[in-house]
Amino acid sequence: FNADDEMPTDVMHANLAALDALAQLRPRGYL
């Protein structure tokens, strides 16, 4: 959940970090 003034690239990096975190889960999660 991004703030209104965040740059798109910053939002992307937050989502990339979330994907790395999700890869550790069983049952599998998704983004």
mmCIF file of all heavy atoms, coordinates in Angstrom:
data_MODEL
# 
_entry.id   MODEL 
# 
loop_
_atom_site.group_PDB 
_atom_site.id 
_atom_site.type_symbol 
_atom_site.label_atom_id 
_atom_site.label_alt_id 
_atom_site.label_comp_id 
_atom_site.label_asym_id 
_atom_site.label_entity_id 
_atom_site.label_seq_id 
_atom_site.pdbx_PDB_ins_code 
_atom_site.Cartn_x 
_atom_site.Cartn_y 
_atom_site.Cartn_z 
_atom_site.occupancy 
_atom_site.B_iso_or_equiv 
_atom_site.pdbx_formal_charge 
_atom_site.auth_seq_id 
_atom_site.auth_comp_id 
_atom_site.auth_asym_id 
_atom_site.auth_atom_id 
_atom_site.pdbx_PDB_model_num 
ATOM 1   N N   . PHE A 1 1  ? 0.862  -1.180  0.000   1.00 0.00 ? 1  PHE A N   1 
ATOM 2   C CA  . PHE A 1 1  ? 0.000  0.000   0.000   1.00 0.00 ? 1  PHE A CA  1 
ATOM 3   C C   . PHE A 1 1  ? 0.903  1.236   0.000   1.00 0.00 ? 1  PHE A C   1 
ATOM 4   O O   . PHE A 1 1  ? 1.416  1.645   1.026   1.00 0.00 ? 1  PHE A O   1 
ATOM 5   C CB  . PHE A 1 1  ? -0.925 -0.017  1.216   1.00 0.00 ? 1  PHE A CB  1 
ATOM 6   C CG  . PHE A 1 1  ? -2.136 -0.879  1.027   1.00 0.00 ? 1  PHE A CG  1 
ATOM 7   C CD1 . PHE A 1 1  ? -2.015 -2.239  0.812   1.00 0.00 ? 1  PHE A CD1 1 
ATOM 8   C CD2 . PHE A 1 1  ? -3.409 -0.328  1.060   1.00 0.00 ? 1  PHE A CD2 1 
ATOM 9   C CE1 . PHE A 1 1  ? -3.120 -3.040  0.629   1.00 0.00 ? 1  PHE A CE1 1 
ATOM 10  C CE2 . PHE A 1 1  ? -4.536 -1.122  0.870   1.00 0.00 ? 1  PHE A CE2 1 
ATOM 11  C CZ  . PHE A 1 1  ? -4.395 -2.478  0.653   1.00 0.00 ? 1  PHE A CZ  1 
ATOM 12  N N   . ASN A 1 2  ? 1.057  1.811   -1.170  1.00 0.00 ? 2  ASN A N   1 
ATOM 13  C CA  . ASN A 1 2  ? 1.975  2.931   -1.346  1.00 0.00 ? 2  ASN A CA  1 
ATOM 14  C C   . ASN A 1 2  ? 1.345  4.250   -0.904  1.00 0.00 ? 2  ASN A C   1 
ATOM 15  O O   . ASN A 1 2  ? 0.118  4.408   -0.892  1.00 0.00 ? 2  ASN A O   1 
ATOM 16  C CB  . ASN A 1 2  ? 2.368  3.053   -2.819  1.00 0.00 ? 2  ASN A CB  1 
ATOM 17  C CG  . ASN A 1 2  ? 1.157  3.293   -3.698  1.00 0.00 ? 2  ASN A CG  1 
ATOM 18  O OD1 . ASN A 1 2  ? 0.376  2.355   -3.927  1.00 0.00 ? 2  ASN A OD1 1 
ATOM 19  N ND2 . ASN A 1 2  ? 0.972  4.509   -4.185  1.00 0.00 ? 2  ASN A ND2 1 
ATOM 20  N N   . ALA A 1 3  ? 2.194  5.199   -0.547  1.00 0.00 ? 3  ALA A N   1 
ATOM 21  C CA  . ALA A 1 3  ? 1.740  6.561   -0.293  1.00 0.00 ? 3  ALA A CA  1 
ATOM 22  C C   . ALA A 1 3  ? 1.501  7.265   -1.627  1.00 0.00 ? 3  ALA A C   1 
ATOM 23  O O   . ALA A 1 3  ? 2.065  6.894   -2.665  1.00 0.00 ? 3  ALA A O   1 
ATOM 24  C CB  . ALA A 1 3  ? 2.772  7.318   0.524   1.00 0.00 ? 3  ALA A CB  1 
ATOM 25  N N   . ASP A 1 4  ? 0.658  8.296   -1.611  1.00 0.00 ? 4  ASP A N   1 
ATOM 26  C CA  . ASP A 1 4  ? 0.276  8.977   -2.854  1.00 0.00 ? 4  ASP A CA  1 
ATOM 27  C C   . ASP A 1 4  ? 1.460  9.627   -3.554  1.00 0.00 ? 4  ASP A C   1 
ATOM 28  O O   . ASP A 1 4  ? 1.455  9.764   -4.781  1.00 0.00 ? 4  ASP A O   1 
ATOM 29  C CB  . ASP A 1 4  ? -0.789 10.039  -2.571  1.00 0.00 ? 4  ASP A CB  1 
ATOM 30  C CG  . ASP A 1 4  ? -2.127 9.429   -2.180  1.00 0.00 ? 4  ASP A CG  1 
ATOM 31  O OD1 . ASP A 1 4  ? -2.348 8.245   -2.506  1.00 0.00 ? 4  ASP A OD1 1 
ATOM 32  O OD2 . ASP A 1 4  ? -2.941 10.138  -1.554  1.00 0.00 ? 4  ASP A OD2 1 
ATOM 33  N N   . ASP A 1 5  ? 2.473  10.034  -2.797  1.00 0.00 ? 5  ASP A N   1 
ATOM 34  C CA  . ASP A 1 5  ? 3.587  10.768  -3.402  1.00 0.00 ? 5  ASP A CA  1 
ATOM 35  C C   . ASP A 1 5  ? 4.775  9.880   -3.752  1.00 0.00 ? 5  ASP A C   1 
ATOM 36  O O   . ASP A 1 5  ? 5.838  10.382  -4.123  1.00 0.00 ? 5  ASP A O   1 
ATOM 37  C CB  . ASP A 1 5  ? 4.042  11.897  -2.476  1.00 0.00 ? 5  ASP A CB  1 
ATOM 38  C CG  . ASP A 1 5  ? 4.493  11.396  -1.101  1.00 0.00 ? 5  ASP A CG  1 
ATOM 39  O OD1 . ASP A 1 5  ? 4.311  10.197  -0.811  1.00 0.00 ? 5  ASP A OD1 1 
ATOM 40  O OD2 . ASP A 1 5  ? 5.022  12.216  -0.328  1.00 0.00 ? 5  ASP A OD2 1 
ATOM 41  N N   . GLU A 1 6  ? 4.625  8.563   -3.668  1.00 0.00 ? 6  GLU A N   1 
ATOM 42  C CA  . GLU A 1 6  ? 5.736  7.666   -4.000  1.00 0.00 ? 6  GLU A CA  1 
ATOM 43  C C   . GLU A 1 6  ? 5.949  7.568   -5.501  1.00 0.00 ? 6  GLU A C   1 
ATOM 44  O O   . GLU A 1 6  ? 4.983  7.527   -6.277  1.00 0.00 ? 6  GLU A O   1 
ATOM 45  C CB  . GLU A 1 6  ? 5.491  6.267   -3.423  1.00 0.00 ? 6  GLU A CB  1 
ATOM 46  C CG  . GLU A 1 6  ? 5.752  6.163   -1.940  1.00 0.00 ? 6  GLU A CG  1 
ATOM 47  C CD  . GLU A 1 6  ? 5.714  4.727   -1.458  1.00 0.00 ? 6  GLU A CD  1 
ATOM 48  O OE1 . GLU A 1 6  ? 6.630  3.957   -1.800  1.00 0.00 ? 6  GLU A OE1 1 
ATOM 49  O OE2 . GLU A 1 6  ? 4.766  4.388   -0.732  1.00 0.00 ? 6  GLU A OE2 1 
ATOM 50  N N   . MET A 1 7  ? 7.199  7.482   -5.890  1.00 0.00 ? 7  MET A N   1 
ATOM 51  C CA  . MET A 1 7  ? 7.532  7.326   -7.288  1.00 0.00 ? 7  MET A CA  1 
ATOM 52  C C   . MET A 1 7  ? 7.264  5.884   -7.733  1.00 0.00 ? 7  MET A C   1 
ATOM 53  O O   . MET A 1 7  ? 7.432  4.937   -6.952  1.00 0.00 ? 7  MET A O   1 
ATOM 54  C CB  . MET A 1 7  ? 9.005  7.664   -7.521  1.00 0.00 ? 7  MET A CB  1 
ATOM 55  C CG  . MET A 1 7  ? 9.349  9.113   -7.219  1.00 0.00 ? 7  MET A CG  1 
ATOM 56  S SD  . MET A 1 7  ? 8.481  10.247  -8.324  1.00 0.00 ? 7  MET A SD  1 
ATOM 57  C CE  . MET A 1 7  ? 9.260  9.823   -9.896  1.00 0.00 ? 7  MET A CE  1 
ATOM 58  N N   . PRO A 1 8  ? 6.862  5.690   -8.992  1.00 0.00 ? 8  PRO A N   1 
ATOM 59  C CA  . PRO A 1 8  ? 6.616  4.337   -9.491  1.00 0.00 ? 8  PRO A CA  1 
ATOM 60  C C   . PRO A 1 8  ? 7.793  3.389   -9.306  1.00 0.00 ? 8  PRO A C   1 
ATOM 61  O O   . PRO A 1 8  ? 7.608  2.201   -9.008  1.00 0.00 ? 8  PRO A O   1 
ATOM 62  C CB  . PRO A 1 8  ? 6.299  4.562   -10.975 1.00 0.00 ? 8  PRO A CB  1 
ATOM 63  C CG  . PRO A 1 8  ? 5.702  5.925   -11.023 1.00 0.00 ? 8  PRO A CG  1 
ATOM 64  C CD  . PRO A 1 8  ? 6.478  6.709   -9.988  1.00 0.00 ? 8  PRO A CD  1 
ATOM 65  N N   . THR A 1 9  ? 9.027  3.886   -9.450  1.00 0.00 ? 9  THR A N   1 
ATOM 66  C CA  . THR A 1 9  ? 10.186 3.003   -9.273  1.00 0.00 ? 9  THR A CA  1 
ATOM 67  C C   . THR A 1 9  ? 10.307 2.525   -7.826  1.00 0.00 ? 9  THR A C   1 
ATOM 68  O O   . THR A 1 9  ? 10.701 1.377   -7.579  1.00 0.00 ? 9  THR A O   1 
ATOM 69  C CB  . THR A 1 9  ? 11.476 3.717   -9.692  1.00 0.00 ? 9  THR A CB  1 
ATOM 70  O OG1 . THR A 1 9  ? 11.548 4.991   -9.042  1.00 0.00 ? 9  THR A OG1 1 
ATOM 71  C CG2 . THR A 1 9  ? 11.532 3.908   -11.196 1.00 0.00 ? 9  THR A CG2 1 
ATOM 72  N N   . ASP A 1 10 ? 9.960  3.388   -6.876  1.00 0.00 ? 10 ASP A N   1 
ATOM 73  C CA  . ASP A 1 10 ? 9.997  2.985   -5.469  1.00 0.00 ? 10 ASP A CA  1 
ATOM 74  C C   . ASP A 1 10 ? 8.940  1.920   -5.189  1.00 0.00 ? 10 ASP A C   1 
ATOM 75  O O   . ASP A 1 10 ? 9.178  0.979   -4.425  1.00 0.00 ? 10 ASP A O   1 
ATOM 76  C CB  . ASP A 1 10 ? 9.789  4.195   -4.563  1.00 0.00 ? 10 ASP A CB  1 
ATOM 77  C CG  . ASP A 1 10 ? 10.932 5.198   -4.650  1.00 0.00 ? 10 ASP A CG  1 
ATOM 78  O OD1 . ASP A 1 10 ? 12.065 4.769   -4.928  1.00 0.00 ? 10 ASP A OD1 1 
ATOM 79  O OD2 . ASP A 1 10 ? 10.677 6.407   -4.464  1.00 0.00 ? 10 ASP A OD2 1 
ATOM 80  N N   . VAL A 1 11 ? 7.766  2.083   -5.794  1.00 0.00 ? 11 VAL A N   1 
ATOM 81  C CA  . VAL A 1 11 ? 6.703  1.088   -5.641  1.00 0.00 ? 11 VAL A CA  1 
ATOM 82  C C   . VAL A 1 11 ? 7.150  -0.247  -6.228  1.00 0.00 ? 11 VAL A C   1 
ATOM 83  O O   . VAL A 1 11 ? 6.918  -1.311  -5.650  1.00 0.00 ? 11 VAL A O   1 
ATOM 84  C CB  . VAL A 1 11 ? 5.405  1.577   -6.316  1.00 0.00 ? 11 VAL A CB  1 
ATOM 85  C CG1 . VAL A 1 11 ? 4.324  0.490   -6.277  1.00 0.00 ? 11 VAL A CG1 1 
ATOM 86  C CG2 . VAL A 1 11 ? 4.904  2.855   -5.640  1.00 0.00 ? 11 VAL A CG2 1 
ATOM 87  N N   . MET A 1 12 ? 7.822  -0.191  -7.377  1.00 0.00 ? 12 MET A N   1 
ATOM 88  C CA  . MET A 1 12 ? 8.315  -1.432  -7.983  1.00 0.00 ? 12 MET A CA  1 
ATOM 89  C C   . MET A 1 12 ? 9.294  -2.140  -7.061  1.00 0.00 ? 12 MET A C   1 
ATOM 90  O O   . MET A 1 12 ? 9.212  -3.365  -6.874  1.00 0.00 ? 12 MET A O   1 
ATOM 91  C CB  . MET A 1 12 ? 8.992  -1.128  -9.315  1.00 0.00 ? 12 MET A CB  1 
ATOM 92  C CG  . MET A 1 12 ? 9.573  -2.370  -9.997  1.00 0.00 ? 12 MET A CG  1 
ATOM 93  S SD  . MET A 1 12 ? 10.831 -1.994  -11.233 1.00 0.00 ? 12 MET A SD  1 
ATOM 94  C CE  . MET A 1 12 ? 12.133 -1.303  -10.205 1.00 0.00 ? 12 MET A CE  1 
ATOM 95  N N   . HIS A 1 13 ? 10.224 -1.401  -6.467  1.00 0.00 ? 13 HIS A N   1 
ATOM 96  C CA  . HIS A 1 13 ? 11.222 -2.039  -5.599  1.00 0.00 ? 13 HIS A CA  1 
ATOM 97  C C   . HIS A 1 13 ? 10.553 -2.657  -4.369  1.00 0.00 ? 13 HIS A C   1 
ATOM 98  O O   . HIS A 1 13 ? 10.983 -3.732  -3.905  1.00 0.00 ? 13 HIS A O   1 
ATOM 99  C CB  . HIS A 1 13 ? 12.286 -1.023  -5.193  1.00 0.00 ? 13 HIS A CB  1 
ATOM 100 C CG  . HIS A 1 13 ? 13.254 -0.694  -6.295  1.00 0.00 ? 13 HIS A CG  1 
ATOM 101 N ND1 . HIS A 1 13 ? 14.061 -1.637  -6.897  1.00 0.00 ? 13 HIS A ND1 1 
ATOM 102 C CD2 . HIS A 1 13 ? 13.516 0.486   -6.924  1.00 0.00 ? 13 HIS A CD2 1 
ATOM 103 C CE1 . HIS A 1 13 ? 14.798 -1.079  -7.826  1.00 0.00 ? 13 HIS A CE1 1 
ATOM 104 N NE2 . HIS A 1 13 ? 14.493 0.211   -7.868  1.00 0.00 ? 13 HIS A NE2 1 
ATOM 105 N N   . ALA A 1 14 ? 9.526  -2.016  -3.834  1.00 0.00 ? 14 ALA A N   1 
ATOM 106 C CA  . ALA A 1 14 ? 8.798  -2.604  -2.707  1.00 0.00 ? 14 ALA A CA  1 
ATOM 107 C C   . ALA A 1 14 ? 8.135  -3.910  -3.125  1.00 0.00 ? 14 ALA A C   1 
ATOM 108 O O   . ALA A 1 14 ? 8.125  -4.890  -2.368  1.00 0.00 ? 14 ALA A O   1 
ATOM 109 C CB  . ALA A 1 14 ? 7.752  -1.616  -2.185  1.00 0.00 ? 14 ALA A CB  1 
ATOM 110 N N   . ASN A 1 15 ? 7.617  -3.953  -4.340  1.00 0.00 ? 15 ASN A N   1 
ATOM 111 C CA  . ASN A 1 15 ? 6.980  -5.179  -4.826  1.00 0.00 ? 15 ASN A CA  1 
ATOM 112 C C   . ASN A 1 15 ? 7.995  -6.262  -5.151  1.00 0.00 ? 15 ASN A C   1 
ATOM 113 O O   . ASN A 1 15 ? 7.730  -7.454  -4.960  1.00 0.00 ? 15 ASN A O   1 
ATOM 114 C CB  . ASN A 1 15 ? 6.112  -4.857  -6.049  1.00 0.00 ? 15 ASN A CB  1 
ATOM 115 C CG  . ASN A 1 15 ? 4.776  -4.255  -5.681  1.00 0.00 ? 15 ASN A CG  1 
ATOM 116 O OD1 . ASN A 1 15 ? 3.966  -4.881  -5.004  1.00 0.00 ? 15 ASN A OD1 1 
ATOM 117 N ND2 . ASN A 1 15 ? 4.534  -3.022  -6.106  1.00 0.00 ? 15 ASN A ND2 1 
ATOM 118 N N   . LEU A 1 16 ? 9.154  -5.891  -5.637  1.00 0.00 ? 16 LEU A N   1 
ATOM 119 C CA  . LEU A 1 16 ? 10.213 -6.884  -5.865  1.00 0.00 ? 16 LEU A CA  1 
ATOM 120 C C   . LEU A 1 16 ? 10.638 -7.523  -4.548  1.00 0.00 ? 16 LEU A C   1 
ATOM 121 O O   . LEU A 1 16 ? 10.859 -8.744  -4.475  1.00 0.00 ? 16 LEU A O   1 
ATOM 122 C CB  . LEU A 1 16 ? 11.414 -6.221  -6.538  1.00 0.00 ? 16 LEU A CB  1 
ATOM 123 C CG  . LEU A 1 16 ? 11.263 -5.848  -8.016  1.00 0.00 ? 16 LEU A CG  1 
ATOM 124 C CD1 . LEU A 1 16 ? 12.473 -5.053  -8.487  1.00 0.00 ? 16 LEU A CD1 1 
ATOM 125 C CD2 . LEU A 1 16 ? 11.068 -7.094  -8.886  1.00 0.00 ? 16 LEU A CD2 1 
ATOM 126 N N   . ALA A 1 17 ? 10.731 -6.710  -3.494  1.00 0.00 ? 17 ALA A N   1 
ATOM 127 C CA  . ALA A 1 17 ? 11.064 -7.254  -2.178  1.00 0.00 ? 17 ALA A CA  1 
ATOM 128 C C   . ALA A 1 17 ? 9.971  -8.204  -1.694  1.00 0.00 ? 17 ALA A C   1 
ATOM 129 O O   . ALA A 1 17 ? 10.261 -9.233  -1.066  1.00 0.00 ? 17 ALA A O   1 
ATOM 130 C CB  . ALA A 1 17 ? 11.266 -6.111  -1.180  1.00 0.00 ? 17 ALA A CB  1 
ATOM 131 N N   . ALA A 1 18 ? 8.729  -7.870  -1.988  1.00 0.00 ? 18 ALA A N   1 
ATOM 132 C CA  . ALA A 1 18 ? 7.624  -8.743  -1.594  1.00 0.00 ? 18 ALA A CA  1 
ATOM 133 C C   . ALA A 1 18 ? 7.686  -10.075 -2.327  1.00 0.00 ? 18 ALA A C   1 
ATOM 134 O O   . ALA A 1 18 ? 7.395  -11.133 -1.749  1.00 0.00 ? 18 ALA A O   1 
ATOM 135 C CB  . ALA A 1 18 ? 6.289  -8.049  -1.858  1.00 0.00 ? 18 ALA A CB  1 
ATOM 136 N N   . LEU A 1 19 ? 8.064  -10.065 -3.587  1.00 0.00 ? 19 LEU A N   1 
ATOM 137 C CA  . LEU A 1 19 ? 8.204  -11.323 -4.331  1.00 0.00 ? 19 LEU A CA  1 
ATOM 138 C C   . LEU A 1 19 ? 9.296  -12.202 -3.724  1.00 0.00 ? 19 LEU A C   1 
ATOM 139 O O   . LEU A 1 19 ? 9.125  -13.425 -3.609  1.00 0.00 ? 19 LEU A O   1 
ATOM 140 C CB  . LEU A 1 19 ? 8.511  -11.031 -5.802  1.00 0.00 ? 19 LEU A CB  1 
ATOM 141 C CG  . LEU A 1 19 ? 7.323  -10.590 -6.665  1.00 0.00 ? 19 LEU A CG  1 
ATOM 142 C CD1 . LEU A 1 19 ? 7.807  -10.041 -7.999  1.00 0.00 ? 19 LEU A CD1 1 
ATOM 143 C CD2 . LEU A 1 19 ? 6.357  -11.749 -6.880  1.00 0.00 ? 19 LEU A CD2 1 
ATOM 144 N N   . ASP A 1 20 ? 10.404 -11.604 -3.353  1.00 0.00 ? 20 ASP A N   1 
ATOM 145 C CA  . ASP A 1 20 ? 11.466 -12.376 -2.706  1.00 0.00 ? 20 ASP A CA  1 
ATOM 146 C C   . ASP A 1 20 ? 10.973 -12.991 -1.396  1.00 0.00 ? 20 ASP A C   1 
ATOM 147 O O   . ASP A 1 20 ? 11.311 -14.130 -1.060  1.00 0.00 ? 20 ASP A O   1 
ATOM 148 C CB  . ASP A 1 20 ? 12.680 -11.484 -2.434  1.00 0.00 ? 20 ASP A CB  1 
ATOM 149 C CG  . ASP A 1 20 ? 13.424 -11.105 -3.709  1.00 0.00 ? 20 ASP A CG  1 
ATOM 150 O OD1 . ASP A 1 20 ? 13.274 -11.821 -4.721  1.00 0.00 ? 20 ASP A OD1 1 
ATOM 151 O OD2 . ASP A 1 20 ? 14.143 -10.089 -3.691  1.00 0.00 ? 20 ASP A OD2 1 
ATOM 152 N N   . ALA A 1 21 ? 10.161 -12.224 -0.653  1.00 0.00 ? 21 ALA A N   1 
ATOM 153 C CA  . ALA A 1 21 ? 9.614  -12.741 0.602   1.00 0.00 ? 21 ALA A CA  1 
ATOM 154 C C   . ALA A 1 21 ? 8.630  -13.873 0.349   1.00 0.00 ? 21 ALA A C   1 
ATOM 155 O O   . ALA A 1 21 ? 8.646  -14.905 1.039   1.00 0.00 ? 21 ALA A O   1 
ATOM 156 C CB  . ALA A 1 21 ? 8.934  -11.614 1.373   1.00 0.00 ? 21 ALA A CB  1 
ATOM 157 N N   . LEU A 1 22 ? 7.780  -13.713 -0.649  1.00 0.00 ? 22 LEU A N   1 
ATOM 158 C CA  . LEU A 1 22 ? 6.764  -14.721 -0.943  1.00 0.00 ? 22 LEU A CA  1 
ATOM 159 C C   . LEU A 1 22 ? 7.374  -16.053 -1.367  1.00 0.00 ? 22 LEU A C   1 
ATOM 160 O O   . LEU A 1 22 ? 6.790  -17.115 -1.141  1.00 0.00 ? 22 LEU A O   1 
ATOM 161 C CB  . LEU A 1 22 ? 5.833  -14.208 -2.053  1.00 0.00 ? 22 LEU A CB  1 
ATOM 162 C CG  . LEU A 1 22 ? 4.797  -13.180 -1.625  1.00 0.00 ? 22 LEU A CG  1 
ATOM 163 C CD1 . LEU A 1 22 ? 4.272  -12.407 -2.838  1.00 0.00 ? 22 LEU A CD1 1 
ATOM 164 C CD2 . LEU A 1 22 ? 3.644  -13.855 -0.892  1.00 0.00 ? 22 LEU A CD2 1 
ATOM 165 N N   . ALA A 1 23 ? 8.534  -16.003 -1.970  1.00 0.00 ? 23 ALA A N   1 
ATOM 166 C CA  . ALA A 1 23 ? 9.188  -17.235 -2.429  1.00 0.00 ? 23 ALA A CA  1 
ATOM 167 C C   . ALA A 1 23 ? 9.543  -18.156 -1.271  1.00 0.00 ? 23 ALA A C   1 
ATOM 168 O O   . ALA A 1 23 ? 9.796  -19.347 -1.478  1.00 0.00 ? 23 ALA A O   1 
ATOM 169 C CB  . ALA A 1 23 ? 10.441 -16.889 -3.229  1.00 0.00 ? 23 ALA A CB  1 
ATOM 170 N N   . GLN A 1 24 ? 9.535  -17.638 -0.040  1.00 0.00 ? 24 GLN A N   1 
ATOM 171 C CA  . GLN A 1 24 ? 9.887  -18.444 1.130   1.00 0.00 ? 24 GLN A CA  1 
ATOM 172 C C   . GLN A 1 24 ? 8.686  -19.189 1.714   1.00 0.00 ? 24 GLN A C   1 
ATOM 173 O O   . GLN A 1 24 ? 8.860  -19.990 2.642   1.00 0.00 ? 24 GLN A O   1 
ATOM 174 C CB  . GLN A 1 24 ? 10.478 -17.535 2.218   1.00 0.00 ? 24 GLN A CB  1 
ATOM 175 C CG  . GLN A 1 24 ? 11.670 -16.721 1.770   1.00 0.00 ? 24 GLN A CG  1 
ATOM 176 C CD  . GLN A 1 24 ? 12.176 -15.803 2.857   1.00 0.00 ? 24 GLN A CD  1 
ATOM 177 O OE1 . GLN A 1 24 ? 12.316 -16.216 4.012   1.00 0.00 ? 24 GLN A OE1 1 
ATOM 178 N NE2 . GLN A 1 24 ? 12.449 -14.554 2.502   1.00 0.00 ? 24 GLN A NE2 1 
ATOM 179 N N   . LEU A 1 25 ? 7.494  -18.938 1.198   1.00 0.00 ? 25 LEU A N   1 
ATOM 180 C CA  . LEU A 1 25 ? 6.283  -19.444 1.839   1.00 0.00 ? 25 LEU A CA  1 
ATOM 181 C C   . LEU A 1 25 ? 5.809  -20.769 1.259   1.00 0.00 ? 25 LEU A C   1 
ATOM 182 O O   . LEU A 1 25 ? 5.914  -21.016 0.065   1.00 0.00 ? 25 LEU A O   1 
ATOM 183 C CB  . LEU A 1 25 ? 5.151  -18.419 1.713   1.00 0.00 ? 25 LEU A CB  1 
ATOM 184 C CG  . LEU A 1 25 ? 5.400  -17.049 2.350   1.00 0.00 ? 25 LEU A CG  1 
ATOM 185 C CD1 . LEU A 1 25 ? 4.219  -16.121 2.069   1.00 0.00 ? 25 LEU A CD1 1 
ATOM 186 C CD2 . LEU A 1 25 ? 5.610  -17.187 3.852   1.00 0.00 ? 25 LEU A CD2 1 
ATOM 187 N N   . ARG A 1 26 ? 5.270  -21.612 2.132   1.00 0.00 ? 26 ARG A N   1 
ATOM 188 C CA  . ARG A 1 26 ? 4.544  -22.839 1.766   1.00 0.00 ? 26 ARG A CA  1 
ATOM 189 C C   . ARG A 1 26 ? 3.357  -22.965 2.709   1.00 0.00 ? 26 ARG A C   1 
ATOM 190 O O   . ARG A 1 26 ? 3.574  -23.002 3.913   1.00 0.00 ? 26 ARG A O   1 
ATOM 191 C CB  . ARG A 1 26 ? 5.449  -24.075 1.889   1.00 0.00 ? 26 ARG A CB  1 
ATOM 192 C CG  . ARG A 1 26 ? 6.669  -24.063 0.999   1.00 0.00 ? 26 ARG A CG  1 
ATOM 193 C CD  . ARG A 1 26 ? 6.307  -24.191 -0.490  1.00 0.00 ? 26 ARG A CD  1 
ATOM 194 N NE  . ARG A 1 26 ? 7.501  -24.292 -1.315  1.00 0.00 ? 26 ARG A NE  1 
ATOM 195 C CZ  . ARG A 1 26 ? 8.248  -23.261 -1.703  1.00 0.00 ? 26 ARG A CZ  1 
ATOM 196 N NH1 . ARG A 1 26 ? 7.922  -22.036 -1.327  1.00 0.00 ? 26 ARG A NH1 1 
ATOM 197 N NH2 . ARG A 1 26 ? 9.312  -23.440 -2.449  1.00 0.00 ? 26 ARG A NH2 1 
ATOM 198 N N   . PRO A 1 27 ? 2.106  -22.999 2.242   1.00 0.00 ? 27 PRO A N   1 
ATOM 199 C CA  . PRO A 1 27 ? 1.695  -22.990 0.840   1.00 0.00 ? 27 PRO A CA  1 
ATOM 200 C C   . PRO A 1 27 ? 2.081  -21.685 0.140   1.00 0.00 ? 27 PRO A C   1 
ATOM 201 O O   . PRO A 1 27 ? 2.293  -20.672 0.793   1.00 0.00 ? 27 PRO A O   1 
ATOM 202 C CB  . PRO A 1 27 ? 0.170  -23.143 0.915   1.00 0.00 ? 27 PRO A CB  1 
ATOM 203 C CG  . PRO A 1 27 ? -0.203 -22.646 2.264   1.00 0.00 ? 27 PRO A CG  1 
ATOM 204 C CD  . PRO A 1 27 ? 0.942  -22.982 3.155   1.00 0.00 ? 27 PRO A CD  1 
ATOM 205 N N   . ARG A 1 28 ? 2.172  -21.776 -1.191  1.00 0.00 ? 28 ARG A N   1 
ATOM 206 C CA  . ARG A 1 28 ? 2.676  -20.656 -1.956  1.00 0.00 ? 28 ARG A CA  1 
ATOM 207 C C   . ARG A 1 28 ? 1.758  -19.451 -1.837  1.00 0.00 ? 28 ARG A C   1 
ATOM 208 O O   . ARG A 1 28 ? 0.542  -19.560 -1.879  1.00 0.00 ? 28 ARG A O   1 
ATOM 209 C CB  . ARG A 1 28 ? 2.801  -21.032 -3.438  1.00 0.00 ? 28 ARG A CB  1 
ATOM 210 C CG  . ARG A 1 28 ? 3.729  -22.190 -3.707  1.00 0.00 ? 28 ARG A CG  1 
ATOM 211 C CD  . ARG A 1 28 ? 5.134  -21.951 -3.174  1.00 0.00 ? 28 ARG A CD  1 
ATOM 212 N NE  . ARG A 1 28 ? 5.803  -20.820 -3.783  1.00 0.00 ? 28 ARG A NE  1 
ATOM 213 C CZ  . ARG A 1 28 ? 6.532  -20.914 -4.883  1.00 0.00 ? 28 ARG A CZ  1 
ATOM 214 N NH1 . ARG A 1 28 ? 6.681  -22.074 -5.502  1.00 0.00 ? 28 ARG A NH1 1 
ATOM 215 N NH2 . ARG A 1 28 ? 7.132  -19.864 -5.376  1.00 0.00 ? 28 ARG A NH2 1 
ATOM 216 N N   . GLY A 1 29 ? 2.356  -18.293 -1.726  1.00 0.00 ? 29 GLY A N   1 
ATOM 217 C CA  . GLY A 1 29 ? 1.603  -17.056 -1.766  1.00 0.00 ? 29 GLY A CA  1 
ATOM 218 C C   . GLY A 1 29 ? 1.631  -16.471 -3.166  1.00 0.00 ? 29 GLY A C   1 
ATOM 219 O O   . GLY A 1 29 ? 2.130  -17.084 -4.114  1.00 0.00 ? 29 GLY A O   1 
ATOM 220 N N   . TYR A 1 30 ? 1.087  -15.285 -3.300  1.00 0.00 ? 30 TYR A N   1 
ATOM 221 C CA  . TYR A 1 30 ? 1.213  -14.563 -4.558  1.00 0.00 ? 30 TYR A CA  1 
ATOM 222 C C   . TYR A 1 30 ? 1.215  -13.074 -4.274  1.00 0.00 ? 30 TYR A C   1 
ATOM 223 O O   . TYR A 1 30 ? 0.870  -12.628 -3.170  1.00 0.00 ? 30 TYR A O   1 
ATOM 224 C CB  . TYR A 1 30 ? 0.127  -14.958 -5.565  1.00 0.00 ? 30 TYR A CB  1 
ATOM 225 C CG  . TYR A 1 30 ? -1.285 -14.493 -5.253  1.00 0.00 ? 30 TYR A CG  1 
ATOM 226 C CD1 . TYR A 1 30 ? -1.717 -13.207 -5.604  1.00 0.00 ? 30 TYR A CD1 1 
ATOM 227 C CD2 . TYR A 1 30 ? -2.207 -15.351 -4.660  1.00 0.00 ? 30 TYR A CD2 1 
ATOM 228 C CE1 . TYR A 1 30 ? -3.011 -12.795 -5.344  1.00 0.00 ? 30 TYR A CE1 1 
ATOM 229 C CE2 . TYR A 1 30 ? -3.499 -14.940 -4.409  1.00 0.00 ? 30 TYR A CE2 1 
ATOM 230 C CZ  . TYR A 1 30 ? -3.903 -13.661 -4.756  1.00 0.00 ? 30 TYR A CZ  1 
ATOM 231 O OH  . TYR A 1 30 ? -5.188 -13.248 -4.501  1.00 0.00 ? 30 TYR A OH  1 
ATOM 232 N N   . LEU A 1 31 ? 1.637  -12.281 -5.264  1.00 0.00 ? 31 LEU A N   1 
ATOM 233 C CA  . LEU A 1 31 ? 1.766  -10.838 -5.092  1.00 0.00 ? 31 LEU A CA  1 
ATOM 234 C C   . LEU A 1 31 ? 0.573  -10.119 -5.697  1.00 0.00 ? 31 LEU A C   1 
ATOM 235 O O   . LEU A 1 31 ? 0.198  -10.356 -6.850  1.00 0.00 ? 31 LEU A O   1 
ATOM 236 C CB  . LEU A 1 31 ? 3.051  -10.343 -5.761  1.00 0.00 ? 31 LEU A CB  1 
ATOM 237 C CG  . LEU A 1 31 ? 3.294  -8.828  -5.667  1.00 0.00 ? 31 LEU A CG  1 
ATOM 238 C CD1 . LEU A 1 31 ? 3.548  -8.410  -4.218  1.00 0.00 ? 31 LEU A CD1 1 
ATOM 239 C CD2 . LEU A 1 31 ? 4.469  -8.416  -6.553  1.00 0.00 ? 31 LEU A CD2 1 
# 
